[in-house]
Amino acid sequence: MADKDELEITIDKDGNVSIKVIGGDGSKCVELTKELEEALGLVDKRQLTEEYYQEPVEGEVHIEQEGE
């Protein structure tokens, strides 16, 4: 099953928009929000989470059980 990235978009009472990426490791979160940011206008600030600094995991994992 493939992992899904989610965007949590919040608009406060003053019309300020916040976008939070859930499930995007590395710079993937910036790529996911790029088009929305461009459509909404100037980015006031960007707060990177610890997931931003994690390297995306790619490849395959092989698990061998004892006795096989």
N, C-alpha and C. Protein backbone atom coordinates (compact mmCIF):
# COMPACT_ATOMS: atom_id res chain seq x y z
N MET A 1 0.84 -1.18 0.00
CA MET A 1 0.00 0.00 0.00
C MET A 1 0.89 1.24 0.00
N ALA A 2 0.63 2.17 -0.88
CA ALA A 2 1.44 3.38 -0.99
C ALA A 2 1.04 4.38 0.10
N ASP A 3 2.03 5.09 0.61
CA ASP A 3 1.76 6.14 1.59
C ASP A 3 1.10 7.31 0.89
N LYS A 4 0.22 7.99 1.61
CA LYS A 4 -0.46 9.15 1.05
C LYS A 4 -0.03 10.38 1.83
N ASP A 5 0.23 11.44 1.13
CA ASP A 5 0.53 12.72 1.75
C ASP A 5 -0.78 13.48 1.90
N GLU A 6 -0.89 14.22 2.99
CA GLU A 6 -2.10 15.01 3.23
C GLU A 6 -1.71 16.47 3.42
N LEU A 7 -2.59 17.35 2.97
CA LEU A 7 -2.43 18.78 3.21
C LEU A 7 -3.53 19.22 4.15
N GLU A 8 -3.13 19.87 5.24
CA GLU A 8 -4.09 20.44 6.18
C GLU A 8 -4.07 21.95 5.97
N ILE A 9 -5.16 22.49 5.47
CA ILE A 9 -5.23 23.91 5.13
C ILE A 9 -6.15 24.61 6.13
N THR A 10 -5.63 25.67 6.76
CA THR A 10 -6.38 26.42 7.75
C THR A 10 -6.45 27.88 7.31
N ILE A 11 -7.64 28.46 7.38
CA ILE A 11 -7.82 29.88 7.09
C ILE A 11 -8.35 30.51 8.36
N ASP A 12 -7.59 31.46 8.94
CA ASP A 12 -8.04 32.08 10.19
C ASP A 12 -9.04 33.19 9.91
N LYS A 13 -9.56 33.80 10.96
CA LYS A 13 -10.61 34.82 10.83
C LYS A 13 -10.15 36.06 10.07
N ASP A 14 -8.82 36.29 9.99
CA ASP A 14 -8.27 37.43 9.25
C ASP A 14 -7.96 37.09 7.79
N GLY A 15 -8.22 35.82 7.40
CA GLY A 15 -7.98 35.40 6.02
C GLY A 15 -6.58 34.87 5.78
N ASN A 16 -5.78 34.72 6.83
CA ASN A 16 -4.44 34.16 6.68
C ASN A 16 -4.53 32.66 6.49
N VAL A 17 -3.76 32.14 5.55
CA VAL A 17 -3.82 30.72 5.20
C VAL A 17 -2.56 30.03 5.70
N SER A 18 -2.76 28.87 6.35
CA SER A 18 -1.66 28.02 6.77
C SER A 18 -1.82 26.67 6.08
N ILE A 19 -0.71 26.13 5.60
CA ILE A 19 -0.73 24.82 4.96
C ILE A 19 0.25 23.93 5.70
N LYS A 20 -0.24 22.79 6.18
CA LYS A 20 0.61 21.82 6.87
C LYS A 20 0.61 20.54 6.06
N VAL A 21 1.80 19.99 5.79
CA VAL A 21 1.92 18.74 5.05
C VAL A 21 2.09 17.61 6.06
N ILE A 22 1.27 16.60 5.92
CA ILE A 22 1.34 15.43 6.78
C ILE A 22 1.79 14.25 5.93
N GLY A 23 2.94 13.68 6.28
CA GLY A 23 3.43 12.51 5.56
C GLY A 23 4.46 12.80 4.49
N GLY A 24 4.92 14.03 4.34
CA GLY A 24 5.92 14.36 3.33
C GLY A 24 7.29 14.53 3.94
N ASP A 25 8.20 13.60 3.66
CA ASP A 25 9.56 13.70 4.19
C ASP A 25 10.45 14.50 3.25
N GLY A 26 11.48 15.09 3.79
CA GLY A 26 12.44 15.84 2.99
C GLY A 26 11.80 17.05 2.34
N SER A 27 12.34 17.47 1.24
CA SER A 27 11.85 18.66 0.56
C SER A 27 10.55 18.40 -0.19
N LYS A 28 10.03 17.18 -0.10
CA LYS A 28 8.77 16.83 -0.77
C LYS A 28 7.63 17.75 -0.33
N CYS A 29 7.66 18.16 0.96
CA CYS A 29 6.58 19.01 1.47
C CYS A 29 6.55 20.36 0.75
N VAL A 30 7.73 20.90 0.44
CA VAL A 30 7.80 22.18 -0.26
C VAL A 30 7.28 22.01 -1.69
N GLU A 31 7.60 20.88 -2.30
CA GLU A 31 7.13 20.61 -3.66
C GLU A 31 5.60 20.47 -3.70
N LEU A 32 5.05 19.82 -2.67
CA LEU A 32 3.60 19.60 -2.62
C LEU A 32 2.81 20.90 -2.48
N THR A 33 3.37 21.90 -1.82
CA THR A 33 2.64 23.14 -1.56
C THR A 33 2.99 24.26 -2.54
N LYS A 34 3.94 24.03 -3.41
CA LYS A 34 4.44 25.08 -4.31
C LYS A 34 3.33 25.76 -5.11
N GLU A 35 2.49 24.98 -5.77
CA GLU A 35 1.45 25.57 -6.62
C GLU A 35 0.42 26.34 -5.79
N LEU A 36 0.07 25.81 -4.61
CA LEU A 36 -0.87 26.52 -3.75
C LEU A 36 -0.27 27.85 -3.28
N GLU A 37 0.99 27.83 -2.89
CA GLU A 37 1.66 29.05 -2.44
C GLU A 37 1.68 30.10 -3.55
N GLU A 38 1.97 29.67 -4.77
CA GLU A 38 2.01 30.60 -5.90
C GLU A 38 0.62 31.20 -6.17
N ALA A 39 -0.41 30.37 -6.03
CA ALA A 39 -1.77 30.84 -6.27
C ALA A 39 -2.25 31.80 -5.18
N LEU A 40 -1.80 31.57 -3.95
CA LEU A 40 -2.25 32.39 -2.83
C LEU A 40 -1.49 33.70 -2.69
N GLY A 41 -0.27 33.75 -3.19
CA GLY A 41 0.51 34.98 -3.09
C GLY A 41 1.78 34.82 -2.29
N LEU A 42 2.20 35.88 -1.66
CA LEU A 42 3.47 35.94 -0.94
C LEU A 42 3.45 35.06 0.31
N VAL A 43 4.51 34.25 0.47
CA VAL A 43 4.67 33.43 1.67
C VAL A 43 5.28 34.32 2.75
N ASP A 44 4.55 34.50 3.84
CA ASP A 44 4.99 35.35 4.94
C ASP A 44 6.08 34.67 5.75
N LYS A 45 5.88 33.41 6.08
CA LYS A 45 6.91 32.66 6.80
C LYS A 45 6.72 31.18 6.52
N ARG A 46 7.81 30.43 6.69
CA ARG A 46 7.78 28.99 6.48
C ARG A 46 8.40 28.34 7.72
N GLN A 47 7.67 27.45 8.34
CA GLN A 47 8.16 26.73 9.51
C GLN A 47 8.37 25.28 9.10
N LEU A 48 9.62 24.86 9.08
CA LEU A 48 9.93 23.49 8.68
C LEU A 48 9.89 22.58 9.90
N THR A 49 9.29 21.42 9.73
CA THR A 49 9.22 20.44 10.82
C THR A 49 10.42 19.51 10.74
N GLU A 50 10.57 18.65 11.73
CA GLU A 50 11.70 17.72 11.73
C GLU A 50 11.64 16.75 10.56
N GLU A 51 10.43 16.48 10.05
CA GLU A 51 10.29 15.60 8.89
C GLU A 51 10.98 16.17 7.66
N TYR A 52 11.07 17.49 7.58
CA TYR A 52 11.73 18.13 6.44
C TYR A 52 13.18 17.68 6.34
N TYR A 53 13.81 17.48 7.47
CA TYR A 53 15.22 17.14 7.51
C TYR A 53 15.49 15.64 7.39
N GLN A 54 14.44 14.84 7.32
CA GLN A 54 14.60 13.40 7.14
C GLN A 54 14.72 13.09 5.65
N GLU A 55 15.60 12.17 5.34
CA GLU A 55 15.77 11.73 3.96
C GLU A 55 14.64 10.77 3.61
N PRO A 56 14.03 10.95 2.45
CA PRO A 56 13.00 9.99 2.03
C PRO A 56 13.60 8.60 1.88
N VAL A 57 12.85 7.60 2.28
CA VAL A 57 13.32 6.22 2.19
C VAL A 57 12.87 5.67 0.84
N GLU A 58 13.83 5.18 0.09
CA GLU A 58 13.52 4.61 -1.22
C GLU A 58 14.14 3.23 -1.32
N GLY A 59 13.60 2.42 -2.18
CA GLY A 59 14.18 1.10 -2.40
C GLY A 59 13.28 0.01 -1.86
N GLU A 60 13.87 -1.15 -1.74
CA GLU A 60 13.14 -2.32 -1.30
C GLU A 60 13.75 -2.85 -0.02
N VAL A 61 12.93 -3.50 0.76
CA VAL A 61 13.39 -4.15 1.98
C VAL A 61 13.11 -5.63 1.85
N HIS A 62 14.14 -6.42 2.09
CA HIS A 62 13.99 -7.88 2.04
C HIS A 62 14.19 -8.42 3.45
N ILE A 63 13.25 -9.23 3.91
CA ILE A 63 13.32 -9.81 5.24
C ILE A 63 13.38 -11.32 5.10
N GLU A 64 14.40 -11.90 5.70
CA GLU A 64 14.52 -13.35 5.68
C GLU A 64 14.21 -13.88 7.05
N GLN A 65 13.40 -14.91 7.10
CA GLN A 65 13.08 -15.55 8.38
C GLN A 65 14.03 -16.72 8.57
N GLU A 66 14.36 -16.99 9.83
CA GLU A 66 15.24 -18.10 10.12
C GLU A 66 14.62 -19.39 9.61
N GLY A 67 15.47 -20.24 9.06
CA GLY A 67 15.01 -21.53 8.58
C GLY A 67 14.60 -21.52 7.12
N GLU A 68 14.69 -20.40 6.47
CA GLU A 68 14.31 -20.34 5.05
C GLU A 68 15.54 -20.32 4.19
